[in-house]
Amino acid sequence: MNIIGQRVRALRKKLGITQLECSKRIGFVRHYISLVENGREPSHRFIRALELLEQGQSPDIEHEPGVTASIIPLLSWAQAGTKQAWDHVSEREGITGFNMGDPKSAAVQIRGDGMEPQFPQGTIAVVYPSLKAKSGDLVIARLNDGTVLFKRLHVDGDHCTFISLNPIYPPATVEKAKIEMVLPVGGTFQNQL
């Protein structure tokens, strides 16, 4: 464990808070706090937020006037490469989002290499459940069998084709009747806080 990791753990113990509660106070996901506590070198922004929390100040995220910030629930993950079921759906964390296009926004962490190189494993995709997905959109789709995919969508009549950016994965065409939901992705970012 590095010195910053020791500081985080000691501060959490002093304040009597969990990693999840700490994440909400400083604007970083719980997983990132866990990584720092276990030896990952933190970003400068993380160190500044930690210093403010140690001083008893709220490390509010600085932003321009007119920009709104909100906590977006981080639900789980979606497989970008092969078909695999969504797991650990009950594990809830949060990320900070700005000027979200949908008040029901949720974030999903991507696993697999199906959308590389543009969207490597660990990418966070923010979905907009209130909007309808259309051809050309990046989407998170859940099939009736529980499979969850992060792909580019092509709609053709009664079928949807889910396209990987990585050419080693062929497109998958699925009847609309076998699809539980298709949510458009409003934005993505790399989880390298």
N, C-alpha and C. Protein backbone atom coordinates (compact mmCIF):
# COMPACT_ATOMS: atom_id res chain seq x y z
N MET A 1 0.85 -1.18 0.00
CA MET A 1 0.00 0.00 0.00
C MET A 1 0.89 1.24 0.00
N ASN A 2 0.54 2.24 -0.80
CA ASN A 2 1.32 3.48 -0.85
C ASN A 2 0.87 4.43 0.26
N ILE A 3 1.58 5.54 0.39
CA ILE A 3 1.29 6.51 1.46
C ILE A 3 -0.10 7.12 1.28
N ILE A 4 -0.49 7.43 0.05
CA ILE A 4 -1.82 8.00 -0.18
C ILE A 4 -2.89 6.99 0.21
N GLY A 5 -2.69 5.74 -0.16
CA GLY A 5 -3.64 4.69 0.21
C GLY A 5 -3.79 4.59 1.73
N GLN A 6 -2.67 4.71 2.45
CA GLN A 6 -2.73 4.68 3.91
C GLN A 6 -3.49 5.90 4.45
N ARG A 7 -3.28 7.06 3.82
CA ARG A 7 -4.00 8.27 4.24
C ARG A 7 -5.50 8.13 4.05
N VAL A 8 -5.89 7.56 2.90
CA VAL A 8 -7.32 7.38 2.61
C VAL A 8 -7.94 6.45 3.66
N ARG A 9 -7.30 5.32 3.90
CA ARG A 9 -7.82 4.35 4.86
C ARG A 9 -7.90 4.96 6.26
N ALA A 10 -6.87 5.69 6.66
CA ALA A 10 -6.86 6.32 7.99
C ALA A 10 -7.96 7.38 8.10
N LEU A 11 -8.16 8.16 7.05
CA LEU A 11 -9.20 9.19 7.07
C LEU A 11 -10.58 8.55 7.13
N ARG A 12 -10.79 7.50 6.37
CA ARG A 12 -12.09 6.82 6.42
C ARG A 12 -12.36 6.27 7.82
N LYS A 13 -11.31 5.72 8.43
CA LYS A 13 -11.47 5.17 9.79
C LYS A 13 -11.80 6.29 10.77
N LYS A 14 -11.09 7.41 10.65
CA LYS A 14 -11.32 8.56 11.52
C LYS A 14 -12.75 9.09 11.37
N LEU A 15 -13.24 9.17 10.12
CA LEU A 15 -14.57 9.69 9.86
C LEU A 15 -15.66 8.64 10.03
N GLY A 16 -15.25 7.37 10.15
CA GLY A 16 -16.22 6.29 10.31
C GLY A 16 -17.07 6.07 9.07
N ILE A 17 -16.43 6.15 7.88
CA ILE A 17 -17.18 6.00 6.63
C ILE A 17 -16.64 4.84 5.81
N THR A 18 -17.50 4.30 4.96
CA THR A 18 -17.11 3.23 4.05
C THR A 18 -16.47 3.82 2.80
N GLN A 19 -15.93 2.94 1.96
CA GLN A 19 -15.38 3.40 0.68
C GLN A 19 -16.48 4.05 -0.17
N LEU A 20 -17.68 3.48 -0.14
CA LEU A 20 -18.78 4.05 -0.92
C LEU A 20 -19.15 5.44 -0.42
N GLU A 21 -19.23 5.62 0.90
CA GLU A 21 -19.53 6.95 1.45
C GLU A 21 -18.41 7.93 1.12
N CYS A 22 -17.17 7.47 1.18
CA CYS A 22 -16.03 8.32 0.82
C CYS A 22 -16.12 8.72 -0.64
N SER A 23 -16.51 7.78 -1.49
CA SER A 23 -16.59 8.07 -2.92
C SER A 23 -17.59 9.17 -3.21
N LYS A 24 -18.71 9.16 -2.49
CA LYS A 24 -19.73 10.19 -2.69
C LYS A 24 -19.23 11.55 -2.22
N ARG A 25 -18.39 11.57 -1.20
CA ARG A 25 -17.90 12.85 -0.68
C ARG A 25 -16.85 13.49 -1.57
N ILE A 26 -16.03 12.66 -2.24
CA ILE A 26 -14.95 13.24 -3.02
C ILE A 26 -15.13 13.12 -4.53
N GLY A 27 -16.22 12.47 -4.99
CA GLY A 27 -16.53 12.44 -6.41
C GLY A 27 -15.77 11.42 -7.23
N PHE A 28 -15.34 10.33 -6.60
CA PHE A 28 -14.67 9.24 -7.30
C PHE A 28 -15.43 7.95 -7.01
N VAL A 29 -15.43 7.02 -7.96
CA VAL A 29 -16.14 5.76 -7.74
C VAL A 29 -15.47 4.95 -6.64
N ARG A 30 -16.26 4.13 -5.96
CA ARG A 30 -15.75 3.30 -4.86
C ARG A 30 -14.59 2.42 -5.33
N HIS A 31 -14.70 1.88 -6.53
CA HIS A 31 -13.65 1.00 -7.04
C HIS A 31 -12.31 1.73 -7.12
N TYR A 32 -12.33 3.00 -7.52
CA TYR A 32 -11.09 3.77 -7.61
C TYR A 32 -10.48 3.96 -6.22
N ILE A 33 -11.33 4.24 -5.23
CA ILE A 33 -10.83 4.40 -3.86
C ILE A 33 -10.19 3.10 -3.39
N SER A 34 -10.82 1.98 -3.69
CA SER A 34 -10.26 0.68 -3.34
C SER A 34 -8.90 0.48 -4.00
N LEU A 35 -8.80 0.84 -5.28
CA LEU A 35 -7.53 0.70 -5.99
C LEU A 35 -6.44 1.55 -5.34
N VAL A 36 -6.77 2.79 -4.97
CA VAL A 36 -5.78 3.66 -4.32
C VAL A 36 -5.37 3.08 -2.98
N GLU A 37 -6.34 2.61 -2.19
CA GLU A 37 -6.01 2.02 -0.90
C GLU A 37 -5.13 0.79 -1.04
N ASN A 38 -5.20 0.14 -2.18
CA ASN A 38 -4.41 -1.08 -2.39
C ASN A 38 -3.18 -0.86 -3.26
N GLY A 39 -2.76 0.41 -3.40
CA GLY A 39 -1.47 0.67 -4.02
C GLY A 39 -1.47 1.42 -5.34
N ARG A 40 -2.61 1.66 -5.96
CA ARG A 40 -2.61 2.41 -7.22
C ARG A 40 -2.20 3.85 -6.97
N GLU A 41 -1.39 4.38 -7.86
CA GLU A 41 -0.96 5.78 -7.77
C GLU A 41 -2.16 6.66 -8.16
N PRO A 42 -2.63 7.54 -7.28
CA PRO A 42 -3.81 8.35 -7.58
C PRO A 42 -3.50 9.55 -8.47
N SER A 43 -4.54 10.09 -9.06
CA SER A 43 -4.41 11.28 -9.88
C SER A 43 -4.23 12.51 -8.98
N HIS A 44 -3.79 13.60 -9.58
CA HIS A 44 -3.64 14.86 -8.84
C HIS A 44 -4.99 15.36 -8.34
N ARG A 45 -6.03 15.18 -9.15
CA ARG A 45 -7.38 15.61 -8.75
C ARG A 45 -7.84 14.83 -7.52
N PHE A 46 -7.52 13.54 -7.47
CA PHE A 46 -7.89 12.72 -6.32
C PHE A 46 -7.17 13.22 -5.06
N ILE A 47 -5.87 13.49 -5.19
CA ILE A 47 -5.09 13.96 -4.04
C ILE A 47 -5.65 15.29 -3.54
N ARG A 48 -6.01 16.20 -4.45
CA ARG A 48 -6.59 17.49 -4.04
C ARG A 48 -7.91 17.28 -3.31
N ALA A 49 -8.77 16.39 -3.82
CA ALA A 49 -10.05 16.11 -3.16
C ALA A 49 -9.81 15.51 -1.78
N LEU A 50 -8.82 14.64 -1.66
CA LEU A 50 -8.48 14.03 -0.37
C LEU A 50 -7.99 15.09 0.61
N GLU A 51 -7.15 16.00 0.14
CA GLU A 51 -6.65 17.08 1.01
C GLU A 51 -7.80 17.94 1.54
N LEU A 52 -8.75 18.27 0.67
CA LEU A 52 -9.90 19.07 1.10
C LEU A 52 -10.74 18.32 2.13
N LEU A 53 -10.94 17.03 1.92
CA LEU A 53 -11.71 16.23 2.88
C LEU A 53 -10.97 16.15 4.22
N GLU A 54 -9.66 16.02 4.17
CA GLU A 54 -8.86 15.98 5.40
C GLU A 54 -8.98 17.30 6.17
N GLN A 55 -9.14 18.42 5.45
CA GLN A 55 -9.27 19.73 6.08
C GLN A 55 -10.70 20.02 6.52
N GLY A 56 -11.59 19.05 6.31
CA GLY A 56 -12.98 19.23 6.71
C GLY A 56 -13.80 20.01 5.71
N GLN A 57 -13.24 20.22 4.50
CA GLN A 57 -13.96 20.96 3.48
C GLN A 57 -14.62 20.00 2.50
N SER A 58 -15.63 20.47 1.82
CA SER A 58 -16.29 19.66 0.81
C SER A 58 -15.52 19.83 -0.49
N PRO A 59 -14.97 18.74 -1.01
CA PRO A 59 -14.22 18.85 -2.26
C PRO A 59 -15.15 18.91 -3.46
N ASP A 60 -15.98 19.97 -3.52
CA ASP A 60 -16.92 20.11 -4.64
C ASP A 60 -16.16 20.19 -5.95
N ILE A 61 -16.76 19.62 -6.94
CA ILE A 61 -16.15 19.66 -8.26
C ILE A 61 -16.36 21.04 -8.86
N GLU A 62 -15.27 21.63 -9.31
CA GLU A 62 -15.36 22.96 -9.89
C GLU A 62 -15.87 22.87 -11.31
N HIS A 63 -16.82 23.73 -11.65
CA HIS A 63 -17.32 23.77 -13.01
C HIS A 63 -17.81 25.16 -13.35
N GLU A 64 -18.01 25.40 -14.62
CA GLU A 64 -18.41 26.71 -15.13
C GLU A 64 -19.85 27.03 -14.72
N PRO A 65 -20.20 28.32 -14.62
CA PRO A 65 -21.59 28.69 -14.36
C PRO A 65 -22.51 28.11 -15.44
N GLY A 66 -23.69 27.64 -15.03
CA GLY A 66 -24.65 27.05 -15.96
C GLY A 66 -24.46 25.57 -16.16
N VAL A 67 -23.38 25.00 -15.62
CA VAL A 67 -23.14 23.57 -15.73
C VAL A 67 -23.72 22.90 -14.50
N THR A 68 -24.53 21.87 -14.71
CA THR A 68 -25.09 21.15 -13.57
C THR A 68 -24.38 19.82 -13.40
N ALA A 69 -24.14 19.45 -12.15
CA ALA A 69 -23.48 18.18 -11.83
C ALA A 69 -24.49 17.29 -11.12
N SER A 70 -24.42 16.01 -11.38
CA SER A 70 -25.28 15.06 -10.70
C SER A 70 -24.56 13.73 -10.56
N ILE A 71 -25.00 12.94 -9.57
CA ILE A 71 -24.45 11.61 -9.37
C ILE A 71 -25.25 10.65 -10.24
N ILE A 72 -24.56 9.88 -11.07
CA ILE A 72 -25.18 8.90 -11.95
C ILE A 72 -24.88 7.53 -11.38
N PRO A 73 -25.90 6.69 -11.18
CA PRO A 73 -25.63 5.35 -10.65
C PRO A 73 -24.81 4.51 -11.63
N LEU A 74 -23.79 3.85 -11.11
CA LEU A 74 -22.99 2.91 -11.89
C LEU A 74 -23.55 1.54 -11.60
N LEU A 75 -24.28 0.98 -12.56
CA LEU A 75 -25.06 -0.22 -12.32
C LEU A 75 -24.24 -1.49 -12.29
N SER A 76 -23.45 -1.75 -13.30
CA SER A 76 -22.75 -3.00 -13.40
C SER A 76 -21.83 -2.91 -14.60
N TRP A 77 -21.84 -3.93 -15.42
CA TRP A 77 -21.01 -3.93 -16.61
C TRP A 77 -21.75 -4.56 -17.77
N ALA A 78 -21.26 -4.27 -18.97
CA ALA A 78 -21.78 -4.89 -20.18
C ALA A 78 -20.61 -5.48 -20.94
N GLN A 79 -20.84 -6.60 -21.53
CA GLN A 79 -19.78 -7.28 -22.28
C GLN A 79 -19.69 -6.69 -23.68
N ALA A 80 -18.50 -6.28 -24.07
CA ALA A 80 -18.32 -5.70 -25.40
C ALA A 80 -17.88 -6.75 -26.42
N GLY A 81 -17.31 -7.83 -25.97
CA GLY A 81 -16.77 -8.81 -26.90
C GLY A 81 -17.72 -9.95 -27.18
N THR A 82 -17.90 -10.84 -26.25
CA THR A 82 -18.75 -12.00 -26.45
C THR A 82 -20.04 -11.81 -25.69
N LYS A 83 -21.00 -12.70 -25.91
CA LYS A 83 -22.28 -12.61 -25.21
C LYS A 83 -22.12 -13.22 -23.82
N GLN A 84 -22.32 -12.41 -22.81
CA GLN A 84 -22.31 -12.89 -21.43
C GLN A 84 -23.33 -12.08 -20.66
N ALA A 85 -23.86 -12.66 -19.62
CA ALA A 85 -24.91 -12.01 -18.85
C ALA A 85 -24.36 -10.90 -17.97
N TRP A 86 -25.19 -9.90 -17.75
CA TRP A 86 -24.94 -8.83 -16.80
C TRP A 86 -24.82 -9.48 -15.43
N ASP A 87 -23.81 -9.13 -14.66
CA ASP A 87 -23.74 -9.70 -13.31
C ASP A 87 -23.52 -8.61 -12.29
N HIS A 88 -23.70 -8.95 -11.04
CA HIS A 88 -23.50 -8.04 -9.91
C HIS A 88 -24.36 -6.79 -10.04
N VAL A 89 -25.57 -6.93 -10.54
CA VAL A 89 -26.44 -5.79 -10.75
C VAL A 89 -26.76 -5.09 -9.44
N SER A 90 -26.71 -5.82 -8.33
CA SER A 90 -27.04 -5.21 -7.05
C SER A 90 -25.93 -4.32 -6.51
N GLU A 91 -24.73 -4.40 -7.08
CA GLU A 91 -23.63 -3.56 -6.62
C GLU A 91 -23.80 -2.17 -7.22
N ARG A 92 -24.10 -1.20 -6.38
CA ARG A 92 -24.36 0.15 -6.86
C ARG A 92 -23.24 1.09 -6.41
N GLU A 93 -22.72 1.83 -7.34
CA GLU A 93 -21.76 2.89 -7.07
C GLU A 93 -22.27 4.11 -7.80
N GLY A 94 -21.48 5.13 -7.88
CA GLY A 94 -21.91 6.30 -8.60
C GLY A 94 -20.74 7.03 -9.21
N ILE A 95 -21.03 7.79 -10.26
CA ILE A 95 -20.04 8.67 -10.89
C ILE A 95 -20.67 10.05 -10.98
N THR A 96 -19.85 11.05 -11.14
CA THR A 96 -20.36 12.41 -11.29
C THR A 96 -20.48 12.72 -12.77
N GLY A 97 -21.65 13.20 -13.17
CA GLY A 97 -21.88 13.59 -14.56
C GLY A 97 -22.26 15.05 -14.64
N PHE A 98 -22.05 15.65 -15.79
CA PHE A 98 -22.34 17.06 -16.00
C PHE A 98 -23.33 17.23 -17.14
N ASN A 99 -24.33 18.10 -16.94
CA ASN A 99 -25.32 18.43 -17.97
C ASN A 99 -25.84 17.17 -18.66
N MET A 100 -26.35 16.26 -17.87
CA MET A 100 -26.83 15.00 -18.41
C MET A 100 -28.07 15.23 -19.26
N GLY A 101 -28.16 14.53 -20.39
CA GLY A 101 -29.26 14.67 -21.33
C GLY A 101 -30.51 13.90 -20.93
N ASP A 102 -30.44 13.17 -19.80
CA ASP A 102 -31.58 12.38 -19.34
C ASP A 102 -31.49 12.30 -17.82
N PRO A 103 -32.52 12.74 -17.11
CA PRO A 103 -32.47 12.68 -15.64
C PRO A 103 -32.44 11.25 -15.10
N LYS A 104 -32.76 10.27 -15.95
CA LYS A 104 -32.71 8.86 -15.53
C LYS A 104 -31.41 8.19 -15.96
N SER A 105 -30.40 8.97 -16.30
CA SER A 105 -29.13 8.43 -16.76
C SER A 105 -28.57 7.40 -15.79
N ALA A 106 -27.91 6.41 -16.35
CA ALA A 106 -27.20 5.41 -15.57
C ALA A 106 -25.90 5.10 -16.30
N ALA A 107 -24.91 4.64 -15.58
CA ALA A 107 -23.61 4.34 -16.18
C ALA A 107 -23.34 2.84 -16.08
N VAL A 108 -22.63 2.34 -17.07
CA VAL A 108 -22.28 0.93 -17.13
C VAL A 108 -20.81 0.84 -17.51
N GLN A 109 -20.06 0.01 -16.79
CA GLN A 109 -18.65 -0.18 -17.12
C GLN A 109 -18.54 -1.31 -18.14
N ILE A 110 -17.73 -1.09 -19.17
CA ILE A 110 -17.60 -2.03 -20.29
C ILE A 110 -16.47 -3.01 -20.02
N ARG A 111 -16.74 -4.28 -20.33
CA ARG A 111 -15.72 -5.32 -20.27
C ARG A 111 -15.55 -5.91 -21.66
N GLY A 112 -14.39 -6.41 -21.93
CA GLY A 112 -14.12 -7.07 -23.20
C GLY A 112 -13.47 -6.15 -24.21
N ASP A 113 -13.09 -6.74 -25.34
CA ASP A 113 -12.35 -6.00 -26.37
C ASP A 113 -13.14 -5.82 -27.66
N GLY A 114 -14.43 -6.06 -27.63
CA GLY A 114 -15.25 -6.01 -28.85
C GLY A 114 -15.39 -4.62 -29.45
N MET A 115 -15.15 -3.58 -28.65
CA MET A 115 -15.29 -2.22 -29.17
C MET A 115 -13.94 -1.49 -29.19
N GLU A 116 -12.86 -2.26 -29.03
CA GLU A 116 -11.52 -1.66 -29.12
C GLU A 116 -11.20 -1.37 -30.57
N PRO A 117 -10.36 -0.41 -30.84
CA PRO A 117 -9.55 0.33 -29.88
C PRO A 117 -10.24 1.57 -29.31
N GLN A 118 -11.35 1.98 -29.89
CA GLN A 118 -11.99 3.23 -29.46
C GLN A 118 -12.54 3.16 -28.05
N PHE A 119 -13.09 2.02 -27.66
CA PHE A 119 -13.70 1.87 -26.33
C PHE A 119 -13.09 0.66 -25.63
N PRO A 120 -11.91 0.82 -25.01
CA PRO A 120 -11.26 -0.33 -24.36
C PRO A 120 -12.01 -0.76 -23.10
N GLN A 121 -11.66 -1.95 -22.63
CA GLN A 121 -12.24 -2.45 -21.39
C GLN A 121 -12.06 -1.41 -20.30
N GLY A 122 -13.09 -1.23 -19.48
CA GLY A 122 -13.04 -0.24 -18.41
C GLY A 122 -13.73 1.06 -18.77
N THR A 123 -14.04 1.26 -20.07
CA THR A 123 -14.76 2.46 -20.49
C THR A 123 -16.09 2.52 -19.74
N ILE A 124 -16.47 3.72 -19.35
CA ILE A 124 -17.78 3.93 -18.73
C ILE A 124 -18.71 4.48 -19.81
N ALA A 125 -19.84 3.81 -20.00
CA ALA A 125 -20.86 4.27 -20.95
C ALA A 125 -22.05 4.78 -20.16
N VAL A 126 -22.50 5.99 -20.46
CA VAL A 126 -23.66 6.58 -19.80
C VAL A 126 -24.85 6.42 -20.73
N VAL A 127 -25.89 5.70 -20.24
CA VAL A 127 -27.07 5.44 -21.06
C VAL A 127 -28.19 6.40 -20.70
N TYR A 128 -29.03 6.67 -21.70
CA TYR A 128 -30.17 7.57 -21.56
C TYR A 128 -31.46 6.76 -21.73
N PRO A 129 -32.02 6.20 -20.65
CA PRO A 129 -33.20 5.35 -20.75
C PRO A 129 -34.45 6.05 -21.28
N SER A 130 -34.52 7.36 -21.17
CA SER A 130 -35.72 8.08 -21.62
C SER A 130 -35.73 8.32 -23.12
N LEU A 131 -34.62 8.08 -23.79
CA LEU A 131 -34.53 8.31 -25.23
C LEU A 131 -34.60 6.99 -25.99
N LYS A 132 -35.06 7.06 -27.23
CA LYS A 132 -35.16 5.86 -28.07
C LYS A 132 -33.89 5.70 -28.89
N ALA A 133 -33.34 4.49 -28.90
CA ALA A 133 -32.15 4.20 -29.69
C ALA A 133 -32.53 4.10 -31.17
N LYS A 134 -31.61 4.55 -32.02
CA LYS A 134 -31.84 4.48 -33.47
C LYS A 134 -30.59 3.94 -34.15
N SER A 135 -30.74 3.57 -35.41
CA SER A 135 -29.60 3.05 -36.17
C SER A 135 -28.43 4.02 -36.10
N GLY A 136 -27.25 3.47 -35.91
CA GLY A 136 -26.02 4.27 -35.82
C GLY A 136 -25.61 4.60 -34.41
N ASP A 137 -26.54 4.47 -33.45
CA ASP A 137 -26.22 4.78 -32.05
C ASP A 137 -25.35 3.70 -31.43
N LEU A 138 -24.51 4.12 -30.51
CA LEU A 138 -23.91 3.17 -29.58
C LEU A 138 -25.00 2.84 -28.58
N VAL A 139 -25.11 1.56 -28.20
CA VAL A 139 -26.18 1.15 -27.30
C VAL A 139 -25.69 0.12 -26.29
N ILE A 140 -26.41 0.07 -25.19
CA ILE A 140 -26.34 -1.06 -24.27
C ILE A 140 -27.65 -1.80 -24.50
N ALA A 141 -27.58 -3.06 -24.88
CA ALA A 141 -28.77 -3.85 -25.16
C ALA A 141 -28.82 -5.05 -24.23
N ARG A 142 -30.02 -5.35 -23.75
CA ARG A 142 -30.22 -6.54 -22.95
C ARG A 142 -31.18 -7.45 -23.71
N LEU A 143 -30.73 -8.67 -23.97
CA LEU A 143 -31.55 -9.64 -24.66
C LEU A 143 -32.40 -10.41 -23.66
N ASN A 144 -33.44 -11.06 -24.15
CA ASN A 144 -34.34 -11.81 -23.27
C ASN A 144 -33.63 -12.91 -22.50
N ASP A 145 -32.52 -13.44 -23.04
CA ASP A 145 -31.79 -14.50 -22.34
C ASP A 145 -30.83 -13.96 -21.28
N GLY A 146 -30.83 -12.63 -21.05
CA GLY A 146 -29.99 -12.02 -20.03
C GLY A 146 -28.68 -11.47 -20.55
N THR A 147 -28.35 -11.74 -21.80
CA THR A 147 -27.12 -11.23 -22.41
C THR A 147 -27.19 -9.70 -22.47
N VAL A 148 -26.09 -9.06 -22.11
CA VAL A 148 -26.00 -7.60 -22.20
C VAL A 148 -24.83 -7.26 -23.10
N LEU A 149 -25.07 -6.37 -24.07
CA LEU A 149 -24.07 -6.02 -25.08
C LEU A 149 -23.85 -4.52 -25.14
N PHE A 150 -22.63 -4.14 -25.44
CA PHE A 150 -22.30 -2.75 -25.79
C PHE A 150 -21.83 -2.80 -27.24
N LYS A 151 -22.64 -2.26 -28.14
CA LYS A 151 -22.36 -2.35 -29.57
C LYS A 151 -22.91 -1.11 -30.30
N ARG A 152 -22.64 -1.05 -31.60
CA ARG A 152 -23.28 -0.07 -32.47
C ARG A 152 -24.51 -0.75 -33.04
N LEU A 153 -25.63 -0.02 -33.06
CA LEU A 153 -26.92 -0.57 -33.46
C LEU A 153 -27.24 -0.28 -34.92
N HIS A 154 -27.79 -1.29 -35.59
CA HIS A 154 -28.38 -1.10 -36.92
C HIS A 154 -29.76 -1.76 -36.89
N VAL A 155 -30.80 -0.98 -37.16
CA VAL A 155 -32.18 -1.48 -37.14
C VAL A 155 -32.63 -1.72 -38.57
N ASP A 156 -33.20 -2.91 -38.82
CA ASP A 156 -33.70 -3.26 -40.14
C ASP A 156 -34.99 -4.06 -39.98
N GLY A 157 -36.14 -3.36 -40.05
CA GLY A 157 -37.43 -4.03 -39.92
C GLY A 157 -37.61 -4.65 -38.55
N ASP A 158 -37.81 -5.96 -38.52
CA ASP A 158 -38.04 -6.68 -37.27
C ASP A 158 -36.76 -7.21 -36.64
N HIS A 159 -35.61 -6.75 -37.14
CA HIS A 159 -34.32 -7.23 -36.63
C HIS A 159 -33.42 -6.06 -36.24
N CYS A 160 -32.57 -6.34 -35.27
CA CYS A 160 -31.52 -5.40 -34.89
C CYS A 160 -30.19 -6.11 -35.06
N THR A 161 -29.24 -5.41 -35.63
CA THR A 161 -27.89 -5.95 -35.75
C THR A 161 -26.99 -5.16 -34.82
N PHE A 162 -26.22 -5.90 -34.03
CA PHE A 162 -25.29 -5.29 -33.08
C PHE A 162 -23.89 -5.49 -33.63
N ILE A 163 -23.19 -4.36 -33.84
CA ILE A 163 -21.92 -4.36 -34.55
C ILE A 163 -20.78 -3.99 -33.60
N SER A 164 -19.75 -4.83 -33.59
CA SER A 164 -18.53 -4.54 -32.83
C SER A 164 -17.61 -3.68 -33.69
N LEU A 165 -16.78 -2.87 -33.06
CA LEU A 165 -15.77 -2.12 -33.79
C LEU A 165 -14.54 -2.98 -34.05
N ASN A 166 -14.30 -3.93 -33.17
CA ASN A 166 -13.18 -4.85 -33.33
C ASN A 166 -13.56 -5.86 -34.41
N PRO A 167 -12.81 -5.92 -35.53
CA PRO A 167 -13.21 -6.77 -36.67
C PRO A 167 -13.18 -8.27 -36.38
N ILE A 168 -12.61 -8.70 -35.28
CA ILE A 168 -12.60 -10.14 -35.01
C ILE A 168 -13.97 -10.64 -34.53
N TYR A 169 -14.88 -9.70 -34.18
CA TYR A 169 -16.22 -10.08 -33.74
C TYR A 169 -17.22 -9.77 -34.85
N PRO A 170 -17.89 -10.81 -35.37
CA PRO A 170 -18.87 -10.56 -36.44
C PRO A 170 -20.12 -9.89 -35.88
N PRO A 171 -20.86 -9.18 -36.74
CA PRO A 171 -22.14 -8.59 -36.30
C PRO A 171 -23.10 -9.70 -35.85
N ALA A 172 -23.96 -9.36 -34.89
CA ALA A 172 -24.96 -10.30 -34.38
C ALA A 172 -26.34 -9.73 -34.69
N THR A 173 -27.12 -10.45 -35.49
CA THR A 173 -28.47 -10.02 -35.83
C THR A 173 -29.47 -10.76 -34.96
N VAL A 174 -30.38 -10.00 -34.35
CA VAL A 174 -31.34 -10.55 -33.39
C VAL A 174 -32.73 -10.03 -33.71
N GLU A 175 -33.73 -10.90 -33.62
CA GLU A 175 -35.11 -10.47 -33.81
C GLU A 175 -35.49 -9.52 -32.68
N LYS A 176 -36.26 -8.47 -33.00
CA LYS A 176 -36.68 -7.51 -31.97
C LYS A 176 -37.43 -8.19 -30.84
N ALA A 177 -38.18 -9.25 -31.13
CA ALA A 177 -38.94 -9.97 -30.11
C ALA A 177 -38.04 -10.61 -29.06
N LYS A 178 -36.75 -10.80 -29.37
CA LYS A 178 -35.80 -11.43 -28.45
C LYS A 178 -34.96 -10.40 -27.69
N ILE A 179 -35.35 -9.13 -27.82
CA ILE A 179 -34.60 -8.05 -27.18
C ILE A 179 -35.47 -7.44 -26.08
N GLU A 180 -34.94 -7.41 -24.86
CA GLU A 180 -35.68 -6.83 -23.74
C GLU A 180 -35.63 -5.31 -23.76
N MET A 181 -34.43 -4.76 -24.01
CA MET A 181 -34.29 -3.30 -24.06
C MET A 181 -33.06 -2.93 -24.84
N VAL A 182 -33.11 -1.75 -25.45
CA VAL A 182 -31.96 -1.16 -26.14
C VAL A 182 -31.90 0.29 -25.68
N LEU A 183 -30.81 0.65 -25.01
CA LEU A 183 -30.67 2.00 -24.46
C LEU A 183 -29.55 2.73 -25.19
N PRO A 184 -29.83 3.94 -25.69
CA PRO A 184 -28.77 4.70 -26.36
C PRO A 184 -27.72 5.17 -25.36
N VAL A 185 -26.48 5.18 -25.82
CA VAL A 185 -25.37 5.68 -25.01
C VAL A 185 -25.21 7.16 -25.30
N GLY A 186 -25.35 7.99 -24.26
CA GLY A 186 -25.25 9.43 -24.43
C GLY A 186 -23.84 9.95 -24.35
N GLY A 187 -22.93 9.15 -23.81
CA GLY A 187 -21.54 9.56 -23.70
C GLY A 187 -20.71 8.44 -23.10
N THR A 188 -19.41 8.53 -23.31
CA THR A 188 -18.48 7.56 -22.74
C THR A 188 -17.26 8.30 -22.21
N PHE A 189 -16.58 7.67 -21.28
CA PHE A 189 -15.28 8.17 -20.86
C PHE A 189 -14.46 7.03 -20.33
N GLN A 190 -13.15 7.24 -20.36
CA GLN A 190 -12.24 6.21 -19.87
C GLN A 190 -12.16 6.33 -18.36
N ASN A 191 -12.22 5.23 -17.68
CA ASN A 191 -12.19 5.20 -16.21
C ASN A 191 -10.75 5.28 -15.72
N GLN A 192 -10.12 6.42 -15.96
CA GLN A 192 -8.73 6.64 -15.55
C GLN A 192 -8.65 7.89 -14.70
N LEU A 193 -9.47 7.94 -13.66
CA LEU A 193 -9.57 9.11 -12.81
C LEU A 193 -8.27 9.42 -12.13
